[in-house]
Amino acid sequence: MFKYPRMMDKIVKNTPTVLYAYGSCNKVNRNSWESVAWCTKAFLRNCNGVLPWQTIKKPDALTKGHVEGLILVNTRGPIKIVDKEYGSAIASFRVHALRRGAQNNELFRLLEINKGWTRAQIAALVSQKLMLHSNFKQGFSDEASAVTFKGLSSTDFIKLKEGVLKLLTN
């Protein structure tokens, strides 16, 4: 998805189109901020959202650490974990990461609408706080691979959000 940014820019500029980044969220053993960064990078590449692969898993994903799965579902009643009962569906941390990514993109969208910023200008702003250099490897052309990032910190995302909120309120 991020292999051909110039082609994506040209398509968006020349044709009425809606683009979504198709792929996977971060693996359970990786930083959940990667999924937030995926949303951010997709927005900066003129996408309107992300489309994650494999969203529903069984409850054993909580203990076995499946790579995919955003929502864990138990069709036989509440999910039990160490004598505690939960509802029949539980959102994983990756759902929360996608929500945070969507919220950031909504703020960027407000910069576009209210302040007249372009996505290139927003990308320049984001680059001051976040290093979104990504690694994207696919085994085959249609694989929904996760985009990985290095050096992400929650502090940088917080500073970015606070800065955008200040810009919007001035």
N, C-alpha and C. Protein backbone atom coordinates (compact mmCIF):
# COMPACT_ATOMS: atom_id res chain seq x y z
N MET A 1 0.80 -1.19 0.00
CA MET A 1 0.00 0.00 0.00
C MET A 1 0.84 1.25 0.00
N PHE A 2 1.99 1.23 0.63
CA PHE A 2 2.82 2.42 0.66
C PHE A 2 3.95 2.35 -0.36
N LYS A 3 3.92 1.34 -1.22
CA LYS A 3 4.99 1.18 -2.20
C LYS A 3 4.96 2.23 -3.30
N TYR A 4 3.77 2.72 -3.66
CA TYR A 4 3.64 3.60 -4.80
C TYR A 4 2.93 4.90 -4.44
N PRO A 5 3.52 5.73 -3.57
CA PRO A 5 2.82 6.94 -3.13
C PRO A 5 2.53 7.93 -4.25
N ARG A 6 3.44 8.08 -5.21
CA ARG A 6 3.19 9.03 -6.31
C ARG A 6 2.01 8.60 -7.16
N MET A 7 1.91 7.28 -7.39
CA MET A 7 0.79 6.77 -8.17
C MET A 7 -0.52 7.02 -7.43
N MET A 8 -0.52 6.81 -6.13
CA MET A 8 -1.73 7.04 -5.33
C MET A 8 -2.11 8.52 -5.35
N ASP A 9 -1.12 9.41 -5.24
CA ASP A 9 -1.39 10.84 -5.29
C ASP A 9 -2.01 11.23 -6.63
N LYS A 10 -1.46 10.66 -7.70
CA LYS A 10 -1.96 10.96 -9.04
C LYS A 10 -3.40 10.48 -9.23
N ILE A 11 -3.69 9.29 -8.73
CA ILE A 11 -5.05 8.73 -8.85
C ILE A 11 -6.04 9.62 -8.12
N VAL A 12 -5.71 10.02 -6.89
CA VAL A 12 -6.61 10.85 -6.09
C VAL A 12 -6.80 12.22 -6.74
N LYS A 13 -5.74 12.75 -7.30
CA LYS A 13 -5.80 14.08 -7.93
C LYS A 13 -6.63 14.06 -9.21
N ASN A 14 -6.52 13.00 -10.01
CA ASN A 14 -7.12 12.98 -11.34
C ASN A 14 -8.47 12.27 -11.44
N THR A 15 -8.85 11.52 -10.45
CA THR A 15 -10.12 10.80 -10.54
C THR A 15 -10.85 10.88 -9.20
N PRO A 16 -12.17 10.96 -9.25
CA PRO A 16 -12.90 10.92 -7.99
C PRO A 16 -12.85 9.51 -7.42
N THR A 17 -12.13 9.34 -6.35
CA THR A 17 -11.93 7.99 -5.82
C THR A 17 -11.83 8.01 -4.30
N VAL A 18 -12.10 6.89 -3.70
CA VAL A 18 -11.94 6.71 -2.27
C VAL A 18 -10.95 5.56 -2.09
N LEU A 19 -9.87 5.80 -1.36
CA LEU A 19 -8.85 4.78 -1.14
C LEU A 19 -8.86 4.32 0.31
N TYR A 20 -8.67 3.02 0.50
CA TYR A 20 -8.51 2.45 1.83
C TYR A 20 -7.24 1.63 1.83
N ALA A 21 -6.52 1.67 2.93
CA ALA A 21 -5.32 0.86 3.08
C ALA A 21 -5.73 -0.50 3.63
N TYR A 22 -5.46 -1.55 2.88
CA TYR A 22 -5.80 -2.91 3.27
C TYR A 22 -4.58 -3.55 3.89
N GLY A 23 -4.74 -4.18 5.03
CA GLY A 23 -3.60 -4.82 5.67
C GLY A 23 -3.97 -5.39 7.01
N SER A 24 -2.98 -5.50 7.87
CA SER A 24 -3.18 -6.07 9.20
C SER A 24 -2.70 -5.10 10.26
N CYS A 25 -3.27 -5.25 11.43
CA CYS A 25 -2.80 -4.48 12.59
C CYS A 25 -1.50 -5.09 13.09
N ASN A 26 -0.94 -4.45 14.08
CA ASN A 26 0.31 -4.94 14.67
C ASN A 26 0.12 -6.34 15.25
N LYS A 27 1.18 -7.11 15.25
CA LYS A 27 1.16 -8.41 15.92
C LYS A 27 1.13 -8.18 17.43
N VAL A 28 0.63 -9.17 18.16
CA VAL A 28 0.47 -9.00 19.61
C VAL A 28 1.79 -8.77 20.34
N ASN A 29 2.90 -9.19 19.77
CA ASN A 29 4.19 -9.01 20.43
C ASN A 29 4.87 -7.71 20.00
N ARG A 30 4.15 -6.85 19.27
CA ARG A 30 4.70 -5.58 18.82
C ARG A 30 3.91 -4.42 19.43
N ASN A 31 4.45 -3.25 19.31
CA ASN A 31 3.88 -2.03 19.86
C ASN A 31 2.53 -1.70 19.19
N SER A 32 1.47 -1.52 19.97
CA SER A 32 0.15 -1.19 19.42
C SER A 32 0.11 0.18 18.76
N TRP A 33 1.08 1.01 19.05
CA TRP A 33 1.14 2.31 18.36
C TRP A 33 1.41 2.14 16.88
N GLU A 34 1.88 0.95 16.46
CA GLU A 34 2.06 0.68 15.03
C GLU A 34 0.75 0.76 14.28
N SER A 35 -0.34 0.31 14.90
CA SER A 35 -1.64 0.39 14.25
C SER A 35 -2.11 1.85 14.15
N VAL A 36 -1.80 2.66 15.16
CA VAL A 36 -2.11 4.08 15.10
C VAL A 36 -1.30 4.72 13.97
N ALA A 37 -0.03 4.37 13.90
CA ALA A 37 0.84 4.92 12.85
C ALA A 37 0.37 4.48 11.46
N TRP A 38 -0.13 3.25 11.35
CA TRP A 38 -0.67 2.76 10.08
C TRP A 38 -1.82 3.66 9.63
N CYS A 39 -2.73 3.98 10.54
CA CYS A 39 -3.85 4.87 10.22
C CYS A 39 -3.35 6.24 9.79
N THR A 40 -2.38 6.77 10.52
CA THR A 40 -1.83 8.09 10.22
C THR A 40 -1.17 8.10 8.86
N LYS A 41 -0.34 7.11 8.61
CA LYS A 41 0.37 7.06 7.33
C LYS A 41 -0.61 6.89 6.17
N ALA A 42 -1.65 6.09 6.38
CA ALA A 42 -2.66 5.91 5.34
C ALA A 42 -3.33 7.25 5.02
N PHE A 43 -3.68 8.02 6.05
CA PHE A 43 -4.29 9.33 5.83
C PHE A 43 -3.34 10.24 5.05
N LEU A 44 -2.09 10.26 5.44
CA LEU A 44 -1.12 11.13 4.78
C LEU A 44 -0.86 10.71 3.34
N ARG A 45 -1.17 9.45 3.01
CA ARG A 45 -1.04 8.95 1.65
C ARG A 45 -2.37 9.01 0.89
N ASN A 46 -3.24 9.90 1.32
CA ASN A 46 -4.52 10.17 0.66
C ASN A 46 -5.55 9.06 0.78
N CYS A 47 -5.39 8.18 1.74
CA CYS A 47 -6.41 7.16 1.96
C CYS A 47 -7.50 7.72 2.89
N ASN A 48 -8.69 7.17 2.76
CA ASN A 48 -9.80 7.61 3.60
C ASN A 48 -9.97 6.74 4.84
N GLY A 49 -9.20 5.69 4.95
CA GLY A 49 -9.28 4.82 6.11
C GLY A 49 -8.44 3.57 5.90
N VAL A 50 -8.49 2.69 6.88
CA VAL A 50 -7.79 1.41 6.79
C VAL A 50 -8.82 0.29 6.84
N LEU A 51 -8.49 -0.80 6.23
CA LEU A 51 -9.37 -1.96 6.21
C LEU A 51 -8.58 -3.15 6.73
N PRO A 52 -8.73 -3.46 8.03
CA PRO A 52 -7.93 -4.54 8.61
C PRO A 52 -8.45 -5.92 8.22
N TRP A 53 -7.53 -6.83 8.05
CA TRP A 53 -7.79 -8.22 7.74
C TRP A 53 -8.10 -8.98 9.01
N GLN A 54 -8.95 -9.97 8.93
CA GLN A 54 -9.18 -10.95 9.99
C GLN A 54 -9.56 -10.28 11.31
N THR A 55 -10.77 -9.79 11.40
CA THR A 55 -11.15 -9.02 12.58
C THR A 55 -11.73 -9.83 13.73
N ILE A 56 -12.25 -11.02 13.48
CA ILE A 56 -12.91 -11.77 14.55
C ILE A 56 -12.15 -13.06 14.87
N LYS A 57 -11.95 -13.31 16.15
CA LYS A 57 -11.24 -14.51 16.62
C LYS A 57 -11.99 -15.11 17.80
N LYS A 58 -11.62 -16.33 18.15
CA LYS A 58 -12.20 -17.00 19.32
C LYS A 58 -11.49 -16.53 20.59
N PRO A 59 -12.11 -16.76 21.76
CA PRO A 59 -11.56 -16.24 23.02
C PRO A 59 -10.16 -16.74 23.36
N ASP A 60 -9.75 -17.89 22.84
CA ASP A 60 -8.41 -18.37 23.17
C ASP A 60 -7.32 -17.44 22.62
N ALA A 61 -7.69 -16.49 21.78
CA ALA A 61 -6.72 -15.52 21.28
C ALA A 61 -6.15 -14.68 22.41
N LEU A 62 -6.90 -14.54 23.50
CA LEU A 62 -6.39 -13.77 24.64
C LEU A 62 -5.22 -14.46 25.32
N THR A 63 -5.21 -15.78 25.29
CA THR A 63 -4.14 -16.51 25.98
C THR A 63 -3.12 -17.11 25.03
N LYS A 64 -3.49 -17.36 23.79
CA LYS A 64 -2.57 -17.97 22.84
C LYS A 64 -1.86 -16.95 21.97
N GLY A 65 -2.29 -15.69 22.02
CA GLY A 65 -1.60 -14.63 21.30
C GLY A 65 -1.66 -14.75 19.80
N HIS A 66 -2.85 -14.93 19.24
CA HIS A 66 -2.99 -14.99 17.78
C HIS A 66 -2.49 -13.68 17.17
N VAL A 67 -2.00 -13.79 15.97
CA VAL A 67 -1.47 -12.62 15.28
C VAL A 67 -2.61 -11.69 14.86
N GLU A 68 -3.69 -12.25 14.36
CA GLU A 68 -4.80 -11.43 13.89
C GLU A 68 -5.87 -11.34 14.97
N GLY A 69 -6.93 -10.66 14.63
CA GLY A 69 -8.09 -10.61 15.52
C GLY A 69 -8.22 -9.29 16.22
N LEU A 70 -9.32 -8.62 15.96
CA LEU A 70 -9.59 -7.35 16.62
C LEU A 70 -10.68 -7.51 17.67
N ILE A 71 -11.63 -8.39 17.37
CA ILE A 71 -12.73 -8.62 18.30
C ILE A 71 -12.78 -10.11 18.61
N LEU A 72 -12.83 -10.44 19.87
CA LEU A 72 -12.85 -11.82 20.30
C LEU A 72 -14.27 -12.19 20.65
N VAL A 73 -14.75 -13.30 20.11
CA VAL A 73 -16.16 -13.65 20.26
C VAL A 73 -16.29 -15.06 20.81
N ASN A 74 -17.23 -15.24 21.74
CA ASN A 74 -17.56 -16.55 22.26
C ASN A 74 -19.06 -16.74 22.03
N THR A 75 -19.42 -17.65 21.16
CA THR A 75 -20.83 -17.85 20.83
C THR A 75 -21.56 -18.65 21.90
N ARG A 76 -20.86 -19.21 22.85
CA ARG A 76 -21.47 -20.03 23.91
C ARG A 76 -21.71 -19.26 25.19
N GLY A 77 -21.70 -17.94 25.15
CA GLY A 77 -21.93 -17.16 26.36
C GLY A 77 -20.76 -16.28 26.71
N PRO A 78 -20.72 -15.79 27.94
CA PRO A 78 -19.66 -14.87 28.35
C PRO A 78 -18.27 -15.52 28.29
N ILE A 79 -17.29 -14.70 28.01
CA ILE A 79 -15.90 -15.16 27.98
C ILE A 79 -15.39 -15.18 29.42
N LYS A 80 -14.80 -16.30 29.82
CA LYS A 80 -14.27 -16.42 31.19
C LYS A 80 -12.75 -16.43 31.13
N ILE A 81 -12.17 -15.56 31.94
CA ILE A 81 -10.72 -15.50 32.06
C ILE A 81 -10.41 -15.44 33.54
N VAL A 82 -9.74 -16.48 34.05
CA VAL A 82 -9.35 -16.58 35.46
C VAL A 82 -10.52 -16.17 36.37
N ASP A 83 -11.58 -16.91 36.29
CA ASP A 83 -12.76 -16.75 37.15
C ASP A 83 -13.51 -15.42 36.98
N LYS A 84 -13.18 -14.65 35.97
CA LYS A 84 -13.93 -13.42 35.71
C LYS A 84 -14.71 -13.60 34.43
N GLU A 85 -15.95 -13.13 34.44
CA GLU A 85 -16.77 -13.21 33.25
C GLU A 85 -16.84 -11.86 32.55
N TYR A 86 -16.75 -11.93 31.25
CA TYR A 86 -16.87 -10.74 30.42
C TYR A 86 -18.04 -10.97 29.48
N GLY A 87 -18.37 -10.01 28.67
CA GLY A 87 -19.44 -10.17 27.69
C GLY A 87 -19.08 -11.22 26.65
N SER A 88 -19.95 -11.41 25.68
CA SER A 88 -19.68 -12.42 24.66
C SER A 88 -18.71 -11.91 23.60
N ALA A 89 -18.38 -10.65 23.62
CA ALA A 89 -17.39 -10.10 22.69
C ALA A 89 -16.53 -9.09 23.43
N ILE A 90 -15.23 -9.14 23.16
CA ILE A 90 -14.28 -8.24 23.80
C ILE A 90 -13.43 -7.60 22.71
N ALA A 91 -13.28 -6.29 22.76
CA ALA A 91 -12.40 -5.59 21.82
C ALA A 91 -10.96 -5.73 22.30
N SER A 92 -10.07 -6.05 21.38
CA SER A 92 -8.66 -6.16 21.72
C SER A 92 -8.02 -4.77 21.78
N PHE A 93 -6.77 -4.70 22.23
CA PHE A 93 -6.07 -3.43 22.26
C PHE A 93 -5.90 -2.86 20.86
N ARG A 94 -5.92 -3.74 19.87
CA ARG A 94 -5.78 -3.25 18.49
C ARG A 94 -6.99 -2.44 18.06
N VAL A 95 -8.18 -2.77 18.57
CA VAL A 95 -9.37 -1.95 18.28
C VAL A 95 -9.17 -0.55 18.86
N HIS A 96 -8.65 -0.49 20.07
CA HIS A 96 -8.40 0.80 20.70
C HIS A 96 -7.35 1.59 19.93
N ALA A 97 -6.35 0.90 19.41
CA ALA A 97 -5.32 1.56 18.60
C ALA A 97 -5.92 2.12 17.31
N LEU A 98 -6.78 1.34 16.66
CA LEU A 98 -7.44 1.83 15.44
C LEU A 98 -8.34 3.03 15.74
N ARG A 99 -9.01 2.99 16.89
CA ARG A 99 -9.85 4.13 17.29
C ARG A 99 -8.99 5.38 17.47
N ARG A 100 -7.85 5.22 18.12
CA ARG A 100 -6.95 6.36 18.33
C ARG A 100 -6.44 6.89 16.99
N GLY A 101 -6.11 5.98 16.08
CA GLY A 101 -5.68 6.40 14.75
C GLY A 101 -6.77 7.17 14.02
N ALA A 102 -8.00 6.69 14.13
CA ALA A 102 -9.13 7.37 13.49
C ALA A 102 -9.35 8.75 14.11
N GLN A 103 -9.21 8.85 15.43
CA GLN A 103 -9.38 10.14 16.10
C GLN A 103 -8.32 11.13 15.65
N ASN A 104 -7.08 10.68 15.54
CA ASN A 104 -6.02 11.56 15.04
C ASN A 104 -6.34 12.04 13.63
N ASN A 105 -6.80 11.12 12.78
CA ASN A 105 -7.10 11.48 11.40
C ASN A 105 -8.28 12.45 11.33
N GLU A 106 -9.22 12.33 12.26
CA GLU A 106 -10.32 13.30 12.30
C GLU A 106 -9.78 14.69 12.64
N LEU A 107 -8.80 14.77 13.52
CA LEU A 107 -8.19 16.06 13.82
C LEU A 107 -7.45 16.61 12.60
N PHE A 108 -6.74 15.74 11.88
CA PHE A 108 -6.05 16.17 10.66
C PHE A 108 -7.07 16.67 9.63
N ARG A 109 -8.20 16.00 9.56
CA ARG A 109 -9.26 16.38 8.63
C ARG A 109 -9.79 17.77 8.98
N LEU A 110 -9.89 18.06 10.27
CA LEU A 110 -10.31 19.40 10.70
C LEU A 110 -9.29 20.46 10.29
N LEU A 111 -8.00 20.12 10.29
CA LEU A 111 -6.99 21.05 9.78
C LEU A 111 -7.24 21.33 8.29
N GLU A 112 -7.61 20.28 7.55
CA GLU A 112 -7.93 20.47 6.13
C GLU A 112 -9.14 21.39 5.95
N ILE A 113 -10.20 21.08 6.66
CA ILE A 113 -11.48 21.79 6.47
C ILE A 113 -11.45 23.19 7.06
N ASN A 114 -11.02 23.32 8.30
CA ASN A 114 -11.11 24.61 9.01
C ASN A 114 -9.93 25.55 8.74
N LYS A 115 -8.77 24.97 8.48
CA LYS A 115 -7.58 25.81 8.31
C LYS A 115 -7.05 25.82 6.88
N GLY A 116 -7.62 24.98 6.01
CA GLY A 116 -7.20 24.95 4.61
C GLY A 116 -5.87 24.26 4.36
N TRP A 117 -5.45 23.44 5.29
CA TRP A 117 -4.17 22.74 5.13
C TRP A 117 -4.30 21.63 4.09
N THR A 118 -3.20 21.34 3.41
CA THR A 118 -3.14 20.19 2.50
C THR A 118 -2.58 19.00 3.27
N ARG A 119 -2.74 17.84 2.70
CA ARG A 119 -2.18 16.65 3.37
C ARG A 119 -0.65 16.71 3.39
N ALA A 120 -0.07 17.35 2.40
CA ALA A 120 1.40 17.51 2.41
C ALA A 120 1.83 18.39 3.57
N GLN A 121 1.07 19.44 3.86
CA GLN A 121 1.39 20.29 5.01
C GLN A 121 1.19 19.53 6.32
N ILE A 122 0.14 18.73 6.37
CA ILE A 122 -0.10 17.93 7.58
C ILE A 122 1.02 16.90 7.75
N ALA A 123 1.47 16.32 6.65
CA ALA A 123 2.59 15.36 6.71
C ALA A 123 3.85 16.03 7.25
N ALA A 124 4.08 17.28 6.86
CA ALA A 124 5.25 18.00 7.37
C ALA A 124 5.12 18.23 8.87
N LEU A 125 3.91 18.54 9.33
CA LEU A 125 3.66 18.70 10.76
C LEU A 125 3.90 17.40 11.50
N VAL A 126 3.32 16.32 10.98
CA VAL A 126 3.45 15.00 11.63
C VAL A 126 4.92 14.59 11.70
N SER A 127 5.68 14.87 10.65
CA SER A 127 7.09 14.45 10.61
C SER A 127 7.94 15.14 11.68
N GLN A 128 7.45 16.25 12.24
CA GLN A 128 8.17 16.92 13.31
C GLN A 128 8.07 16.15 14.63
N LYS A 129 7.01 15.35 14.76
CA LYS A 129 6.78 14.61 16.01
C LYS A 129 6.97 13.11 15.88
N LEU A 130 6.65 12.55 14.70
CA LEU A 130 6.68 11.10 14.53
C LEU A 130 7.61 10.69 13.39
N MET A 131 8.34 9.63 13.62
CA MET A 131 9.14 9.04 12.56
C MET A 131 8.31 7.90 11.96
N LEU A 132 7.69 8.16 10.83
CA LEU A 132 6.81 7.15 10.23
C LEU A 132 7.51 6.39 9.12
N HIS A 133 8.79 6.13 9.32
CA HIS A 133 9.49 5.28 8.36
C HIS A 133 9.04 3.86 8.61
N SER A 134 8.44 3.28 7.59
CA SER A 134 7.80 1.98 7.79
C SER A 134 8.53 0.89 7.02
N ASN A 135 8.25 -0.33 7.44
CA ASN A 135 8.77 -1.51 6.78
C ASN A 135 7.57 -2.34 6.37
N PHE A 136 7.47 -2.60 5.09
CA PHE A 136 6.30 -3.30 4.57
C PHE A 136 6.79 -4.42 3.67
N LYS A 137 6.58 -5.65 4.12
CA LYS A 137 7.01 -6.81 3.34
C LYS A 137 5.82 -7.73 3.12
N GLN A 138 5.69 -8.20 1.90
CA GLN A 138 4.62 -9.12 1.56
C GLN A 138 5.22 -10.40 0.99
N GLY A 139 4.60 -11.53 1.34
CA GLY A 139 5.00 -12.80 0.76
C GLY A 139 4.51 -12.95 -0.66
N PHE A 140 3.34 -12.35 -0.94
CA PHE A 140 2.76 -12.35 -2.28
C PHE A 140 1.96 -11.06 -2.44
N SER A 141 1.60 -10.70 -3.65
CA SER A 141 1.08 -9.37 -3.94
C SER A 141 -0.24 -9.04 -3.24
N ASP A 142 -1.05 -10.03 -2.89
CA ASP A 142 -2.35 -9.75 -2.29
C ASP A 142 -2.38 -10.04 -0.79
N GLU A 143 -1.23 -10.25 -0.20
CA GLU A 143 -1.17 -10.56 1.22
C GLU A 143 -1.48 -9.32 2.07
N ALA A 144 -2.23 -9.51 3.13
CA ALA A 144 -2.60 -8.42 4.03
C ALA A 144 -1.57 -8.30 5.14
N SER A 145 -0.37 -7.93 4.78
CA SER A 145 0.72 -7.83 5.75
C SER A 145 0.57 -6.59 6.62
N ALA A 146 1.09 -6.69 7.81
CA ALA A 146 1.11 -5.53 8.72
C ALA A 146 2.28 -4.63 8.34
N VAL A 147 2.07 -3.34 8.49
CA VAL A 147 3.14 -2.37 8.31
C VAL A 147 3.82 -2.22 9.66
N THR A 148 5.12 -2.32 9.70
CA THR A 148 5.84 -2.18 10.97
C THR A 148 6.60 -0.86 10.99
N PHE A 149 6.74 -0.32 12.16
CA PHE A 149 7.43 0.96 12.36
C PHE A 149 8.44 0.78 13.49
N LYS A 150 9.47 1.59 13.49
CA LYS A 150 10.45 1.57 14.56
C LYS A 150 10.44 2.90 15.30
N GLY A 151 10.72 2.83 16.58
CA GLY A 151 10.92 4.04 17.37
C GLY A 151 9.67 4.82 17.70
N LEU A 152 8.52 4.17 17.77
CA LEU A 152 7.29 4.88 18.12
C LEU A 152 7.17 5.00 19.63
N SER A 153 6.73 6.17 20.08
CA SER A 153 6.51 6.33 21.52
C SER A 153 5.18 7.03 21.76
N SER A 154 4.54 6.65 22.83
CA SER A 154 3.24 7.26 23.17
C SER A 154 3.40 8.76 23.40
N THR A 155 4.52 9.18 23.95
CA THR A 155 4.76 10.60 24.22
C THR A 155 4.72 11.41 22.93
N ASP A 156 5.29 10.88 21.86
CA ASP A 156 5.29 11.59 20.58
C ASP A 156 3.88 11.74 20.03
N PHE A 157 3.06 10.69 20.17
CA PHE A 157 1.68 10.77 19.70
C PHE A 157 0.88 11.78 20.53
N ILE A 158 1.15 11.82 21.84
CA ILE A 158 0.46 12.78 22.71
C ILE A 158 0.84 14.21 22.34
N LYS A 159 2.13 14.45 22.13
CA LYS A 159 2.60 15.79 21.76
C LYS A 159 2.00 16.21 20.41
N LEU A 160 1.91 15.28 19.48
CA LEU A 160 1.31 15.60 18.18
C LEU A 160 -0.15 16.00 18.34
N LYS A 161 -0.90 15.20 19.09
CA LYS A 161 -2.32 15.49 19.29
C LYS A 161 -2.52 16.83 19.99
N GLU A 162 -1.74 17.10 21.02
CA GLU A 162 -1.84 18.37 21.73
C GLU A 162 -1.52 19.55 20.81
N GLY A 163 -0.52 19.37 19.95
CA GLY A 163 -0.15 20.43 19.02
C GLY A 163 -1.25 20.71 18.00
N VAL A 164 -1.86 19.65 17.48
CA VAL A 164 -2.94 19.83 16.51
C VAL A 164 -4.15 20.49 17.19
N LEU A 165 -4.46 20.09 18.41
CA LEU A 165 -5.58 20.70 19.13
C LEU A 165 -5.32 22.20 19.37
N LYS A 166 -4.07 22.57 19.66
CA LYS A 166 -3.73 24.00 19.83
C LYS A 166 -3.92 24.74 18.52
N LEU A 167 -3.49 24.14 17.41
CA LEU A 167 -3.67 24.78 16.11
C LEU A 167 -5.14 24.99 15.79
N LEU A 168 -5.97 24.03 16.15
CA LEU A 168 -7.39 24.11 15.85
C LEU A 168 -8.12 25.11 16.72
N THR A 169 -7.62 25.38 17.92
CA THR A 169 -8.31 26.30 18.82
C THR A 169 -7.83 27.73 18.67
N ASN A 170 -6.75 27.96 17.93
CA ASN A 170 -6.25 29.34 17.71
C ASN A 170 -6.85 29.94 16.48
